[in-house]
Amino acid sequence: MDFFNEMREWQGWEGLKLDLKGARKVARESLDRNSAVFLCEEQEKLVGFARIQFWDGAYFIREVFVKKPFRRKGVGSKLLARCENFVSKNRETSVYLTVEPKHSVSIQYLIRNGYDTLNMLEFRKDLSTDGFPERQGEVEILGHELRLLKRKFE
């Protein structure tokens, strides 16, 4: 539940927070899609998880989440390593994931963990502006200024 609600806040969707029942439903639906989940516990309490999915012929790390008090203590790196080991055991040579372009903390975390190849950029076209998060900032790519969605980060 913490993961889903934090993601919604980052994406500007605070009004769509989930209760425990709703979070369980979304998690179950996610697990039904060729996924594996790895958990990290400390003193018998869940402190983080990672979910990896086999999709379209490749492995994608869909989520890595660590509860706030346990961040910057190596938990996320251990979860990434567990996903990478899973992929290696399945005889694949690459693993993919996405990150918010403005989330510099996550980008630095990935670079520290050996992620050094930029693969894809995701573009979005809003067909309606009703209810969508506002834009904040821009990034230049190949001489084009592209807008960034407003995100809340610590």
Protein backbone atom coordinates (compact mmCIF):
# COMPACT_ATOMS: atom_id res chain seq x y z
CA MET A 1 0.00 0.00 0.00
CA ASP A 2 2.87 2.38 0.88
CA PHE A 3 4.45 1.71 -2.53
CA PHE A 4 1.30 2.33 -4.57
CA ASN A 5 0.39 5.49 -2.68
CA GLU A 6 3.92 6.91 -2.88
CA MET A 7 3.93 6.29 -6.63
CA ARG A 8 0.58 8.00 -7.03
CA GLU A 9 1.86 11.00 -5.07
CA TRP A 10 4.98 11.24 -7.26
CA GLN A 11 2.77 11.14 -10.33
CA GLY A 12 0.45 13.85 -9.05
CA TRP A 13 -2.47 11.48 -8.43
CA GLU A 14 -2.89 12.00 -4.67
CA GLY A 15 -6.67 11.67 -5.03
CA LEU A 16 -6.29 8.05 -6.15
CA LYS A 17 -4.68 6.65 -3.00
CA LEU A 18 -5.42 3.02 -2.23
CA ASP A 19 -6.48 1.42 0.99
CA LEU A 20 -5.00 -1.96 1.96
CA LYS A 21 -7.75 -3.90 0.15
CA GLY A 22 -7.25 -1.91 -3.07
CA ALA A 23 -3.47 -2.27 -2.91
CA ARG A 24 -3.78 -6.04 -2.48
CA LYS A 25 -6.06 -6.23 -5.52
CA VAL A 26 -3.63 -4.25 -7.70
CA ALA A 27 -0.70 -6.35 -6.45
CA ARG A 28 -2.52 -9.63 -7.23
CA GLU A 29 -3.32 -8.41 -10.74
CA SER A 30 0.34 -7.47 -11.27
CA LEU A 31 1.52 -10.88 -10.13
CA ASP A 32 -0.68 -12.62 -12.67
CA ARG A 33 1.49 -11.25 -15.49
CA ASN A 34 4.62 -13.48 -15.62
CA SER A 35 6.09 -11.81 -12.54
CA ALA A 36 8.27 -12.78 -9.63
CA VAL A 37 8.53 -10.80 -6.40
CA PHE A 38 11.53 -10.68 -4.06
CA LEU A 39 11.09 -9.49 -0.49
CA CYS A 40 13.54 -8.03 2.01
CA GLU A 41 12.79 -8.47 5.68
CA GLU A 42 14.55 -7.16 8.75
CA GLN A 43 13.62 -8.47 12.17
CA GLU A 44 10.66 -10.31 10.62
CA LYS A 45 9.22 -7.10 9.14
CA LEU A 46 8.87 -6.40 5.44
CA VAL A 47 11.09 -3.43 4.56
CA GLY A 48 11.18 -3.66 0.78
CA PHE A 49 10.38 -5.60 -2.36
CA ALA A 50 11.20 -5.83 -6.03
CA ARG A 51 9.01 -7.19 -8.81
CA ILE A 52 10.40 -8.46 -12.08
CA GLN A 53 8.32 -9.36 -15.10
CA PHE A 54 9.06 -11.35 -18.23
CA TRP A 55 7.40 -9.36 -20.98
CA ASP A 56 7.82 -9.29 -24.74
CA GLY A 57 10.92 -11.51 -24.64
CA ALA A 58 12.82 -9.59 -21.94
CA TYR A 59 12.98 -9.15 -18.17
CA PHE A 60 11.83 -5.82 -16.78
CA ILE A 61 12.24 -4.75 -13.17
CA ARG A 62 8.86 -3.14 -12.64
CA GLU A 63 9.21 -1.96 -9.07
CA VAL A 64 11.83 -1.61 -6.40
CA PHE A 65 10.47 -0.19 -3.18
CA VAL A 66 12.10 0.29 0.22
CA LYS A 67 10.27 1.78 3.19
CA LYS A 68 11.59 5.22 4.10
CA PRO A 69 13.43 4.32 7.35
CA PHE A 70 15.42 1.64 5.50
CA ARG A 71 16.48 3.64 2.43
CA ARG A 72 20.16 4.32 1.73
CA LYS A 73 21.17 1.23 3.68
CA GLY A 74 21.78 -1.19 0.80
CA VAL A 75 18.32 -2.78 0.78
CA GLY A 76 17.48 -1.59 -2.75
CA SER A 77 20.85 -2.75 -4.07
CA LYS A 78 20.28 -6.20 -2.58
CA LEU A 79 16.87 -6.37 -4.22
CA LEU A 80 18.33 -5.31 -7.58
CA ALA A 81 21.04 -7.96 -7.26
CA ARG A 82 18.41 -10.60 -6.51
CA CYS A 83 16.50 -9.64 -9.68
CA GLU A 84 19.72 -9.71 -11.71
CA ASN A 85 20.61 -13.17 -10.36
CA PHE A 86 17.13 -14.39 -11.28
CA VAL A 87 17.60 -13.14 -14.85
CA SER A 88 21.07 -14.71 -15.12
CA LYS A 89 19.75 -18.07 -13.90
CA ASN A 90 17.17 -17.88 -16.68
CA ARG A 91 20.04 -17.53 -19.21
CA GLU A 92 19.30 -13.94 -20.15
CA THR A 93 22.02 -11.33 -20.44
CA SER A 94 20.13 -8.06 -19.87
CA VAL A 95 17.58 -6.62 -17.52
CA TYR A 96 15.54 -3.48 -18.14
CA LEU A 97 13.77 -0.91 -15.98
CA THR A 98 12.29 2.55 -16.24
CA VAL A 99 12.85 5.61 -14.09
CA GLU A 100 11.28 9.05 -13.89
CA PRO A 101 13.54 11.50 -15.78
CA LYS A 102 13.47 14.04 -12.93
CA HIS A 103 14.12 11.48 -10.18
CA SER A 104 17.84 12.11 -9.87
CA VAL A 105 18.11 10.02 -6.68
CA SER A 106 16.88 6.94 -8.53
CA ILE A 107 19.10 7.64 -11.52
CA GLN A 108 22.18 7.94 -9.29
CA TYR A 109 21.17 4.73 -7.48
CA LEU A 110 20.96 2.88 -10.79
CA ILE A 111 24.30 4.24 -12.00
CA ARG A 112 25.93 3.17 -8.71
CA ASN A 113 24.52 -0.29 -9.30
CA GLY A 114 26.04 -0.57 -12.79
CA TYR A 115 23.17 0.56 -15.00
CA ASP A 116 24.95 2.51 -17.72
CA THR A 117 22.98 2.02 -20.94
CA LEU A 118 20.08 4.25 -21.87
CA ASN A 119 17.71 2.12 -23.90
CA MET A 120 14.30 3.73 -24.47
CA LEU A 121 12.52 7.02 -23.88
CA GLU A 122 8.82 6.96 -23.12
CA PHE A 123 6.74 9.68 -24.72
CA ARG A 124 3.24 10.69 -23.75
CA LYS A 125 0.57 12.63 -25.56
CA ASP A 126 -2.41 13.75 -23.50
CA LEU A 127 -5.56 13.64 -25.56
CA SER A 128 -7.34 15.62 -22.88
CA THR A 129 -6.01 17.85 -20.14
CA ASP A 130 -8.88 17.17 -17.75
CA GLY A 131 -7.55 15.73 -14.52
CA PHE A 132 -3.98 15.22 -15.69
CA PRO A 133 -0.99 16.31 -13.62
CA GLU A 134 0.44 19.66 -14.54
CA ARG A 135 3.77 20.02 -16.30
CA GLN A 136 6.93 21.16 -14.56
CA GLY A 137 10.23 21.76 -16.22
CA GLU A 138 11.68 20.71 -19.52
CA VAL A 139 14.48 18.57 -20.84
CA GLU A 140 16.28 18.92 -24.16
CA ILE A 141 16.67 15.82 -26.29
CA LEU A 142 18.16 16.07 -29.78
CA GLY A 143 17.46 19.79 -29.87
CA HIS A 144 13.80 19.48 -28.86
CA GLU A 145 12.41 20.86 -25.61
CA LEU A 146 10.11 18.29 -24.05
CA ARG A 147 7.91 18.94 -21.05
CA LEU A 148 8.18 16.92 -17.85
CA LEU A 149 5.23 16.01 -15.70
CA LYS A 150 5.16 17.63 -12.30
CA ARG A 151 6.41 15.10 -9.76
CA LYS A 152 6.88 15.28 -6.02
CA PHE A 153 10.22 13.97 -4.82
CA GLU A 154 11.95 14.11 -1.50
